[in-house]
C-alpha atoms as a PDB file:
ATOM      1  CA  UNK A   1      19.988   0.228  17.346  1.00  0.00           C
ATOM      2  CA  UNK A   2      18.923  -3.003  15.036  1.00  0.00           C
ATOM      3  CA  UNK A   3      17.684  -1.518  11.240  1.00  0.00           C
ATOM      4  CA  UNK A   4      14.459  -2.961  10.430  1.00  0.00           C
ATOM      5  CA  UNK A   5      12.537  -4.075   7.265  1.00  0.00           C
ATOM      6  CA  UNK A   6       8.489  -3.774   6.383  1.00  0.00           C
ATOM      7  CA  UNK A   7       6.779  -6.012   3.706  1.00  0.00           C
ATOM      8  CA  UNK A   8       3.429  -6.893   2.988  1.00  0.00           C
ATOM      9  CA  UNK A   9       1.713 -10.121   4.394  1.00  0.00           C
ATOM     10  CA  UNK A  10       1.357 -12.522   2.526  1.00  0.00           C
ATOM     11  CA  UNK A  11       1.898 -15.798   4.010  1.00  0.00           C
ATOM     12  CA  UNK A  12      -0.939 -17.066   6.574  1.00  0.00           C
ATOM     13  CA  UNK A  13       1.480 -16.786   8.985  1.00  0.00           C
ATOM     14  CA  UNK A  14       1.879 -13.286   7.709  1.00  0.00           C
ATOM     15  CA  UNK A  15      -1.785 -12.941   7.700  1.00  0.00           C
ATOM     16  CA  UNK A  16      -2.189 -14.183  11.567  1.00  0.00           C
ATOM     17  CA  UNK A  17       0.446 -11.171  12.404  1.00  0.00           C
ATOM     18  CA  UNK A  18      -1.156  -8.721  11.050  1.00  0.00           C
ATOM     19  CA  UNK A  19      -4.265  -9.839  13.092  1.00  0.00           C
ATOM     20  CA  UNK A  20      -2.269 -10.209  16.430  1.00  0.00           C
ATOM     21  CA  UNK A  21      -0.480  -6.589  15.759  1.00  0.00           C
ATOM     22  CA  UNK A  22      -4.495  -5.295  14.900  1.00  0.00           C
ATOM     23  CA  UNK A  23      -5.682  -6.901  17.940  1.00  0.00           C
ATOM     24  CA  UNK A  24      -2.804  -5.817  20.207  1.00  0.00           C
ATOM     25  CA  UNK A  25      -3.576  -2.397  18.141  1.00  0.00           C
ATOM     26  CA  UNK A  26      -7.557  -2.768  19.610  1.00  0.00           C
ATOM     27  CA  UNK A  27      -6.375  -4.160  23.251  1.00  0.00           C
ATOM     28  CA  UNK A  28      -3.847  -1.031  23.497  1.00  0.00           C
ATOM     29  CA  UNK A  29      -7.003   1.101  22.506  1.00  0.00           C
ATOM     30  CA  UNK A  30      -9.379  -0.188  25.107  1.00  0.00           C
ATOM     31  CA  UNK A  31     -11.747   0.985  22.860  1.00  0.00           C
ATOM     32  CA  UNK A  32     -15.174  -0.873  21.063  1.00  0.00           C
ATOM     33  CA  UNK A  33     -14.546  -0.691  17.761  1.00  0.00           C
ATOM     34  CA  UNK A  34     -17.655  -2.532  17.535  1.00  0.00           C
ATOM     35  CA  UNK A  35     -19.252  -0.289  14.600  1.00  0.00           C
ATOM     36  CA  UNK A  36     -16.625  -1.024  12.392  1.00  0.00           C
ATOM     37  CA  UNK A  37     -16.821  -4.955  12.003  1.00  0.00           C
ATOM     38  CA  UNK A  38     -13.498  -4.585  13.001  1.00  0.00           C
ATOM     39  CA  UNK A  39     -14.706  -9.154  14.141  1.00  0.00           C
ATOM     40  CA  UNK A  40     -15.211  -9.230  10.634  1.00  0.00           C
ATOM     41  CA  UNK A  41     -12.277  -7.428   8.749  1.00  0.00           C
ATOM     42  CA  UNK A  42     -10.118  -9.809  11.387  1.00  0.00           C
ATOM     43  CA  UNK A  43     -12.045 -13.096  10.008  1.00  0.00           C
ATOM     44  CA  UNK A  44     -11.256 -12.821   6.623  1.00  0.00           C
ATOM     45  CA  UNK A  45      -8.207 -10.997   5.805  1.00  0.00           C
ATOM     46  CA  UNK A  46      -6.470 -10.176   3.906  1.00  0.00           C
ATOM     47  CA  UNK A  47     -10.497  -8.605   2.905  1.00  0.00           C
ATOM     48  CA  UNK A  48     -10.668  -5.168   2.004  1.00  0.00           C
ATOM     49  CA  UNK A  49      -7.126  -4.751   2.254  1.00  0.00           C
ATOM     50  CA  UNK A  50      -6.268  -7.458  -0.289  1.00  0.00           C
ATOM     51  CA  UNK A  51      -3.249  -6.375  -3.325  1.00  0.00           C
ATOM     52  CA  UNK A  52      -3.224  -5.165  -5.555  1.00  0.00           C
ATOM     53  CA  UNK A  53      -5.191  -1.890  -4.566  1.00  0.00           C
ATOM     54  CA  UNK A  54      -4.782  -2.792  -1.397  1.00  0.00           C
ATOM     55  CA  UNK A  55      -2.361  -3.546   1.645  1.00  0.00           C
ATOM     56  CA  UNK A  56      -1.276  -5.040   4.946  1.00  0.00           C
ATOM     57  CA  UNK A  57       2.718  -4.803   6.266  1.00  0.00           C
ATOM     58  CA  UNK A  58       4.830  -5.797   8.688  1.00  0.00           C
ATOM     59  CA  UNK A  59       7.942  -4.631   9.182  1.00  0.00           C
ATOM     60  CA  UNK A  60      10.501  -6.560  11.229  1.00  0.00           C
ATOM     61  CA  UNK A  61      13.842  -6.370  13.099  1.00  0.00           C
ATOM     62  CA  UNK A  62      15.645  -7.287  10.206  1.00  0.00           C
ATOM     63  CA  UNK A  63      18.492  -9.134  12.884  1.00  0.00           C
ATOM     64  CA  UNK A  64      15.752 -11.245  14.797  1.00  0.00           C
ATOM     65  CA  UNK A  65      13.099 -10.933  12.563  1.00  0.00           C
ATOM     66  CA  UNK A  66      10.372  -9.462  15.235  1.00  0.00           C
ATOM     67  CA  UNK A  67       7.356  -8.014  14.262  1.00  0.00           C
ATOM     68  CA  UNK A  68       7.636  -4.688  15.472  1.00  0.00           C
ATOM     69  CA  UNK A  69       4.258  -3.044  14.122  1.00  0.00           C
ATOM     70  CA  UNK A  70       1.738  -2.706  11.204  1.00  0.00           C
ATOM     71  CA  UNK A  71      -0.966  -1.173   8.476  1.00  0.00           C
ATOM     72  CA  UNK A  72      -3.317  -1.447   6.520  1.00  0.00           C
ATOM     73  CA  UNK A  73      -4.216   0.710   3.194  1.00  0.00           C
ATOM     74  CA  UNK A  74      -7.253  -0.096   1.400  1.00  0.00           C
ATOM     75  CA  UNK A  75      -9.675   0.696  -1.391  1.00  0.00           C
ATOM     76  CA  UNK A  76     -12.130   3.850   0.300  1.00  0.00           C
ATOM     77  CA  UNK A  77     -15.566   3.527  -0.654  1.00  0.00           C
ATOM     78  CA  UNK A  78     -17.841   6.343   0.933  1.00  0.00           C
ATOM     79  CA  UNK A  79     -21.255   6.204   2.624  1.00  0.00           C
ATOM     80  CA  UNK A  80     -24.107   8.720   0.131  1.00  0.00           C
ATOM     81  CA  UNK A  81     -24.153  10.784   2.799  1.00  0.00           C
ATOM     82  CA  UNK A  82     -20.713  11.866   3.553  1.00  0.00           C
ATOM     83  CA  UNK A  83     -19.740  11.476  -0.773  1.00  0.00           C
ATOM     84  CA  UNK A  84     -20.820  14.878  -1.685  1.00  0.00           C
ATOM     85  CA  UNK A  85     -17.364  16.038   0.650  1.00  0.00           C
ATOM     86  CA  UNK A  86     -14.743  14.904  -2.207  1.00  0.00           C
ATOM     87  CA  UNK A  87     -15.174  15.230  -5.437  1.00  0.00           C
ATOM     88  CA  UNK A  88     -15.450  12.606  -8.793  1.00  0.00           C
ATOM     89  CA  UNK A  89     -12.549  11.815 -10.023  1.00  0.00           C
ATOM     90  CA  UNK A  90      -9.725  10.791  -7.455  1.00  0.00           C
ATOM     91  CA  UNK A  91      -9.284   7.255  -6.280  1.00  0.00           C
ATOM     92  CA  UNK A  92      -9.730   7.518  -2.681  1.00  0.00           C
ATOM     93  CA  UNK A  93      -7.527   4.372  -0.196  1.00  0.00           C
ATOM     94  CA  UNK A  94      -7.606   4.143   3.565  1.00  0.00           C
ATOM     95  CA  UNK A  95      -4.829   3.389   6.130  1.00  0.00           C
ATOM     96  CA  UNK A  96      -6.107   1.357   9.564  1.00  0.00           C
ATOM     97  CA  UNK A  97      -4.691   0.312  11.880  1.00  0.00           C
ATOM     98  CA  UNK A  98      -0.983   1.590  12.520  1.00  0.00           C
ATOM     99  CA  UNK A  99       0.171   0.406  15.553  1.00  0.00           C
ATOM    100  CA  UNK A 100       4.081  -0.397  16.737  1.00  0.00           C
ATOM    101  CA  UNK A 101       4.473  -2.227  19.581  1.00  0.00           C
ATOM    102  CA  UNK A 102       5.870  -0.616  23.046  1.00  0.00           C
ATOM    103  CA  UNK A 103       9.371  -2.320  22.624  1.00  0.00           C
ATOM    104  CA  UNK A 104       9.938  -0.627  19.981  1.00  0.00           C
ATOM    105  CA  UNK A 105       8.608   2.663  19.852  1.00  0.00           C
ATOM    106  CA  UNK A 106      10.649   5.247  19.218  1.00  0.00           C
ATOM    107  CA  UNK A 107      12.893   3.400  16.804  1.00  0.00           C
ATOM    108  CA  UNK A 108      11.331   5.976  13.721  1.00  0.00           C
ATOM    109  CA  UNK A 109       8.473   2.286  13.052  1.00  0.00           C
ATOM    110  CA  UNK A 110       5.751   4.470  12.397  1.00  0.00           C
ATOM    111  CA  UNK A 111       7.496   6.300  10.284  1.00  0.00           C
ATOM    112  CA  UNK A 112       8.148   3.591   7.858  1.00  0.00           C
ATOM    113  CA  UNK A 113       4.752   1.902   8.238  1.00  0.00           C
ATOM    114  CA  UNK A 114       2.851   5.465   6.425  1.00  0.00           C
ATOM    115  CA  UNK A 115       6.178   5.664   3.827  1.00  0.00           C
ATOM    116  CA  UNK A 116       5.627   2.751   2.473  1.00  0.00           C
ATOM    117  CA  UNK A 117       2.034   2.530   2.553  1.00  0.00           C
ATOM    118  CA  UNK A 118       2.168   5.877   0.651  1.00  0.00           C
ATOM    119  CA  UNK A 119       4.369   4.926  -1.699  1.00  0.00           C
ATOM    120  CA  UNK A 120       1.698   2.341  -2.653  1.00  0.00           C
ATOM    121  CA  UNK A 121      -1.329   4.553  -2.938  1.00  0.00           C
ATOM    122  CA  UNK A 122       0.410   6.359  -5.053  1.00  0.00           C
ATOM    123  CA  UNK A 123       1.587   2.894  -7.519  1.00  0.00           C
ATOM    124  CA  UNK A 124      -2.185   1.932  -7.487  1.00  0.00           C
ATOM    125  CA  UNK A 125      -2.584   5.332  -8.210  1.00  0.00           C
ATOM    126  CA  UNK A 126      -5.230   6.984  -5.702  1.00  0.00           C
ATOM    127  CA  UNK A 127      -5.229  10.143  -5.522  1.00  0.00           C
ATOM    128  CA  UNK A 128      -6.031  10.833  -2.110  1.00  0.00           C
ATOM    129  CA  UNK A 129      -5.756   8.693   0.845  1.00  0.00           C
ATOM    130  CA  UNK A 130      -7.638   9.352   4.361  1.00  0.00           C
ATOM    131  CA  UNK A 131      -7.016   8.016   7.661  1.00  0.00           C
ATOM    132  CA  UNK A 132      -8.587   8.859  11.424  1.00  0.00           C
ATOM    133  CA  UNK A 133      -7.937   8.977  13.787  1.00  0.00           C
ATOM    134  CA  UNK A 134      -8.191  10.469  17.391  1.00  0.00           C
ATOM    135  CA  UNK A 135      -7.260  13.616  19.495  1.00  0.00           C
ATOM    136  CA  UNK A 136      -5.533  12.025  22.345  1.00  0.00           C
ATOM    137  CA  UNK A 137      -3.143  10.774  19.785  1.00  0.00           C
ATOM    138  CA  UNK A 138      -0.822  13.072  19.486  1.00  0.00           C
ATOM    139  CA  UNK A 139       2.652  11.435  18.705  1.00  0.00           C
ATOM    140  CA  UNK A 140       0.230  10.220  15.233  1.00  0.00           C
ATOM    141  CA  UNK A 141      -1.336  12.948  14.683  1.00  0.00           C
ATOM    142  CA  UNK A 142       2.643  14.679  14.774  1.00  0.00           C
ATOM    143  CA  UNK A 143       3.733  12.257  12.354  1.00  0.00           C
ATOM    144  CA  UNK A 144       0.951  12.510   9.768  1.00  0.00           C
ATOM    145  CA  UNK A 145       1.086  16.196   9.923  1.00  0.00           C
ATOM    146  CA  UNK A 146       5.099  15.251   9.386  1.00  0.00           C
ATOM    147  CA  UNK A 147       4.173  13.456   6.304  1.00  0.00           C
ATOM    148  CA  UNK A 148       2.108  16.146   4.764  1.00  0.00           C
ATOM    149  CA  UNK A 149      -1.280  14.841   6.169  1.00  0.00           C
ATOM    150  CA  UNK A 150      -4.187  18.311   6.685  1.00  0.00           C
ATOM    151  CA  UNK A 151      -7.565  17.668   9.015  1.00  0.00           C
ATOM    152  CA  UNK A 152     -10.224  17.006   6.657  1.00  0.00           C
ATOM    153  CA  UNK A 153     -13.977  16.662   6.220  1.00  0.00           C
ATOM    154  CA  UNK A 154     -15.139  13.605   8.475  1.00  0.00           C
ATOM    155  CA  UNK A 155     -15.713  10.682   5.294  1.00  0.00           C
ATOM    156  CA  UNK A 156     -17.903   8.325   7.742  1.00  0.00           C
ATOM    157  CA  UNK A 157     -19.646   8.940  11.201  1.00  0.00           C
ATOM    158  CA  UNK A 158     -17.392   7.882  14.433  1.00  0.00           C
ATOM    159  CA  UNK A 159     -19.307   7.567  17.802  1.00  0.00           C
ATOM    160  CA  UNK A 160     -16.044   7.822  19.323  1.00  0.00           C
ATOM    161  CA  UNK A 161     -15.754  11.149  21.260  1.00  0.00           C
ATOM    162  CA  UNK A 162     -12.659  13.222  20.141  1.00  0.00           C
ATOM    163  CA  UNK A 163     -12.318  11.828  15.818  1.00  0.00           C
ATOM    164  CA  UNK A 164     -10.152  13.714  13.740  1.00  0.00           C
ATOM    165  CA  UNK A 165      -9.399  12.663  10.477  1.00  0.00           C
ATOM    166  CA  UNK A 166      -7.400  13.277   8.012  1.00  0.00           C
ATOM    167  CA  UNK A 167      -6.354  14.193   4.333  1.00  0.00           C
ATOM    168  CA  UNK A 168      -3.188  14.060   1.533  1.00  0.00           C
ATOM    169  CA  UNK A 169      -3.155  14.400  -2.187  1.00  0.00           C
ATOM    170  CA  UNK A 170      -0.718  11.909  -3.534  1.00  0.00           C
ATOM    171  CA  UNK A 171       1.036  11.547  -6.616  1.00  0.00           C
ATOM    172  CA  UNK A 172       1.052  15.382  -7.555  1.00  0.00           C
ATOM    173  CA  UNK A 173      -1.619  16.791  -6.143  1.00  0.00           C
ATOM    174  CA  UNK A 174      -1.883  19.294  -3.125  1.00  0.00           C
ATOM    175  CA  UNK A 175      -4.685  19.919  -0.369  1.00  0.00           C
ATOM    176  CA  UNK A 176      -5.619  22.948  -0.237  1.00  0.00           C
END
């Protein structure tokens, strides 16, 4: 099995690879993500994912340089009605758009992407990482739980049935 590398998307070619990966993700989901302003997100890359407070990561095959998957990390701005659920004094970020191309599944690519995103979040001084997924995405939920995420209160409105919100404290903080 060939090894993989995880690196931040820094060039225009990298950002094009991220956009392609994000589009593949939404096609695979087969869901309308207009409520997340997905078209604007793609157009404005890196947008909210820009370093130093965010990151766009690409996983590549070390031998072929083929893109295997992607993940995004961005600072989280709560809508007012959700702010009270999450204490002040903590910097929050969100993991978004974890996707591994079907041909690369089973190579621990998703685990490597999540681990690198968590390292970056901790280095940037975030205290808690949030994410959302769907109840039908059982392998993703199992991965997140194995990385220390627990189910959490909603931090934004999702019109999608079965949205599961998850959270992980980092930087030496533990969730109850």
